[in-house]
Structure formats: C-alpha cells, structure tokens
Protein backbone atom coordinates (compact mmCIF):
# COMPACT_ATOMS: atom_id res chain seq x y z
CA MET A 1 0.00 0.00 0.00
CA SER A 2 2.56 2.49 -0.97
CA HIS A 3 0.27 4.62 -3.13
CA SER A 4 -2.79 4.66 -0.89
CA THR A 5 -3.48 5.22 2.76
CA ARG A 6 -6.17 3.67 4.89
CA LEU A 7 -8.37 6.18 6.70
CA VAL A 8 -11.12 5.60 9.22
CA SER A 9 -14.26 7.62 8.84
CA ARG A 10 -17.37 7.51 10.94
CA HIS A 11 -18.96 5.29 8.29
CA GLY A 12 -16.20 2.70 8.20
CA LEU A 13 -12.89 2.08 6.45
CA TRP A 14 -12.09 3.56 3.08
CA SER A 15 -8.97 4.21 1.11
CA ARG A 16 -7.74 6.81 -1.34
CA PRO A 17 -4.51 7.49 -3.16
CA ALA A 18 -1.93 9.34 -1.06
CA HIS A 19 -1.43 12.16 -3.56
CA ILE A 20 -5.13 13.25 -3.42
CA THR A 21 -5.84 15.31 -0.34
CA THR A 22 -9.14 16.11 1.28
CA ARG A 23 -8.80 19.70 0.18
CA ALA A 24 -8.39 18.64 -3.44
CA ILE A 25 -11.52 16.50 -3.17
CA MET A 26 -13.48 19.39 -1.66
CA CYS A 27 -12.34 21.81 -4.37
CA GLN A 28 -13.19 19.29 -7.06
CA SER A 29 -16.69 18.68 -5.68
CA ARG A 30 -17.34 22.42 -5.31
CA SER A 31 -16.22 23.23 -8.83
CA ASN A 32 -18.14 20.35 -10.37
CA GLY A 33 -21.48 21.54 -8.91
CA THR A 34 -23.59 19.32 -11.12
CA TYR A 35 -24.22 16.53 -8.70
CA GLN A 36 -26.93 14.25 -9.95
CA PRO A 37 -28.56 12.10 -7.29
CA PRO A 38 -29.11 8.51 -8.27
CA THR A 39 -32.37 7.97 -10.07
CA PRO A 40 -34.92 6.08 -7.99
CA PRO A 41 -36.22 2.83 -9.35
CA PRO A 42 -39.41 3.22 -11.39
CA THR A 43 -42.56 2.66 -9.35
CA LYS A 44 -45.94 1.38 -10.43
CA ASP A 45 -48.65 3.94 -11.08
CA ASN A 46 -51.03 4.02 -8.15
CA PRO A 47 -54.52 5.02 -9.40
CA HIS A 48 -55.52 6.35 -5.99
CA ARG A 49 -52.42 8.56 -5.78
CA ASN A 50 -52.85 9.70 -9.39
CA PHE A 51 -56.47 10.69 -8.75
CA TRP A 52 -55.61 12.80 -5.71
CA ARG A 53 -52.55 14.28 -7.41
CA SER A 54 -54.76 15.40 -10.31
CA PHE A 55 -57.97 16.37 -8.53
CA GLY A 56 -56.98 16.99 -4.89
CA ARG A 57 -56.40 20.72 -5.21
CA PRO A 58 -59.61 21.44 -7.21
CA ILE A 59 -61.68 19.36 -4.80
CA ALA A 60 -60.17 21.24 -1.85
CA LYS A 61 -60.91 24.60 -3.52
CA VAL A 62 -64.53 23.65 -4.19
CA PHE A 63 -64.94 22.34 -0.64
CA LEU A 64 -63.49 25.50 0.91
CA GLY A 65 -65.60 27.68 -1.40
CA ALA A 66 -68.71 25.77 -0.35
CA MET A 67 -67.81 26.18 3.33
CA VAL A 68 -67.30 29.95 2.94
CA THR A 69 -70.59 30.27 1.03
CA TYR A 70 -72.42 28.24 3.67
CA GLN A 71 -71.01 30.39 6.49
CA LEU A 72 -71.96 33.63 4.70
CA VAL A 73 -75.52 32.41 4.08
CA TYR A 74 -75.78 31.11 7.67
CA PHE A 75 -74.67 34.39 9.28
CA THR A 76 -76.88 36.40 6.91
CA TRP A 77 -79.82 34.19 7.89
CA LEU A 78 -79.03 34.70 11.59
CA LYS A 79 -78.87 38.47 11.15
CA LEU A 80 -82.18 38.57 9.26
CA GLU A 81 -83.81 36.34 11.88
CA ALA A 82 -82.55 38.62 14.67
CA VAL A 83 -83.93 41.68 12.85
CA GLU A 84 -87.29 39.92 12.38
CA GLU A 85 -87.47 38.92 16.06
CA LYS A 86 -86.67 42.49 17.10
CA PHE A 87 -89.38 43.81 14.78
CA ASP A 88 -91.91 41.29 16.22
CA LYS A 89 -90.97 42.15 19.81
CA ASP A 90 -91.23 45.90 19.14
CA ALA A 91 -94.67 45.36 17.59
CA GLU A 92 -95.76 43.27 20.61
CA VAL A 93 -94.48 45.92 23.03
CA LYS A 94 -96.41 48.64 21.16
CA ARG A 95 -99.55 46.47 21.19
CA LEU A 96 -99.20 45.80 24.93
CA GLU A 97 -98.53 49.49 25.65
CA ALA A 98 -101.66 50.43 23.72
CA GLN A 99 -103.65 47.79 25.62
CA LEU A 100 -102.25 49.05 28.94
CA HIS A 101 -103.00 52.63 27.99
CA GLY A 102 -106.57 51.60 27.11
CA LEU A 103 -107.03 49.79 30.44
CA THR A 104 -105.64 52.66 32.49
CA LYS A 105 -107.80 55.13 30.55
CA ASP A 106 -110.92 53.07 31.37
CA LYS A 107 -110.04 53.05 35.09
CA ASP A 108 -109.37 56.79 35.15
CA GLU A 109 -112.77 57.66 33.61
CA PRO A 110 -114.93 56.23 36.44
CA LYS A 111 -112.82 58.07 39.03
CA ASN A 112 -113.25 61.31 37.14
CA GLU A 113 -117.03 60.78 36.98
CA LYS A 114 -117.31 60.21 40.77
CA LYS A 115 -115.69 63.47 41.60
C-alpha cells in the first residue's frame, strides 16, 4: 500500500490514493457543482395517488368555497332572523302598551265621573 493510505471515517474504512488530499476533493466537488442524485427505481402507477394528485387541489378549492358560502348564508340568515325577532318584539311591546293605555284610561274615567 505504498500509493494509498487507509483512513477511518465515521462510516467505516475507506482508502484513497496518497497524492489526493481532502482539500483537493473538496475543491473538485465544489467546482463540479452538477451533482446528480441517483435515479430512484421506477414505481408502479397508483390510481388512488394519481387521482388525488390530479384532482386533490380542485376538490379542496370547491370544498373551501362551499364552506365559505355556507357560512356567509348562515350568518346572513341569523342576522335577518334577529332583525325579524326584534321587529316582532317591538310590535308586541307597542300592542301591549296600547292595551295598557286603554285599560288605564278606562279606570281613570270612572274616578273622574265620581268626583
């Protein structure tokens, strides 16, 4: 082993020629810059995955749009119902005030006649 040295790395034993230094390897890898990772083995097409890859985003958009529309209609309905209840209660209060005014007017008339 005159031309190579044995080095121990954290991953195990490996060897390299003595005339190539770590710095030379680092400079070479930096200048190369076109590292291509190994290509993964081809996988089978999964119909379930393909469906969600194609239609997942549009389905989510439609679902969220429907939820927003539902919430807007729901809160509008609640507001209109609250306005209607207030209108009904105001009408009932006016009716009861008129009835009370009529009853108190009837009681005041006999007292005025006795005097």
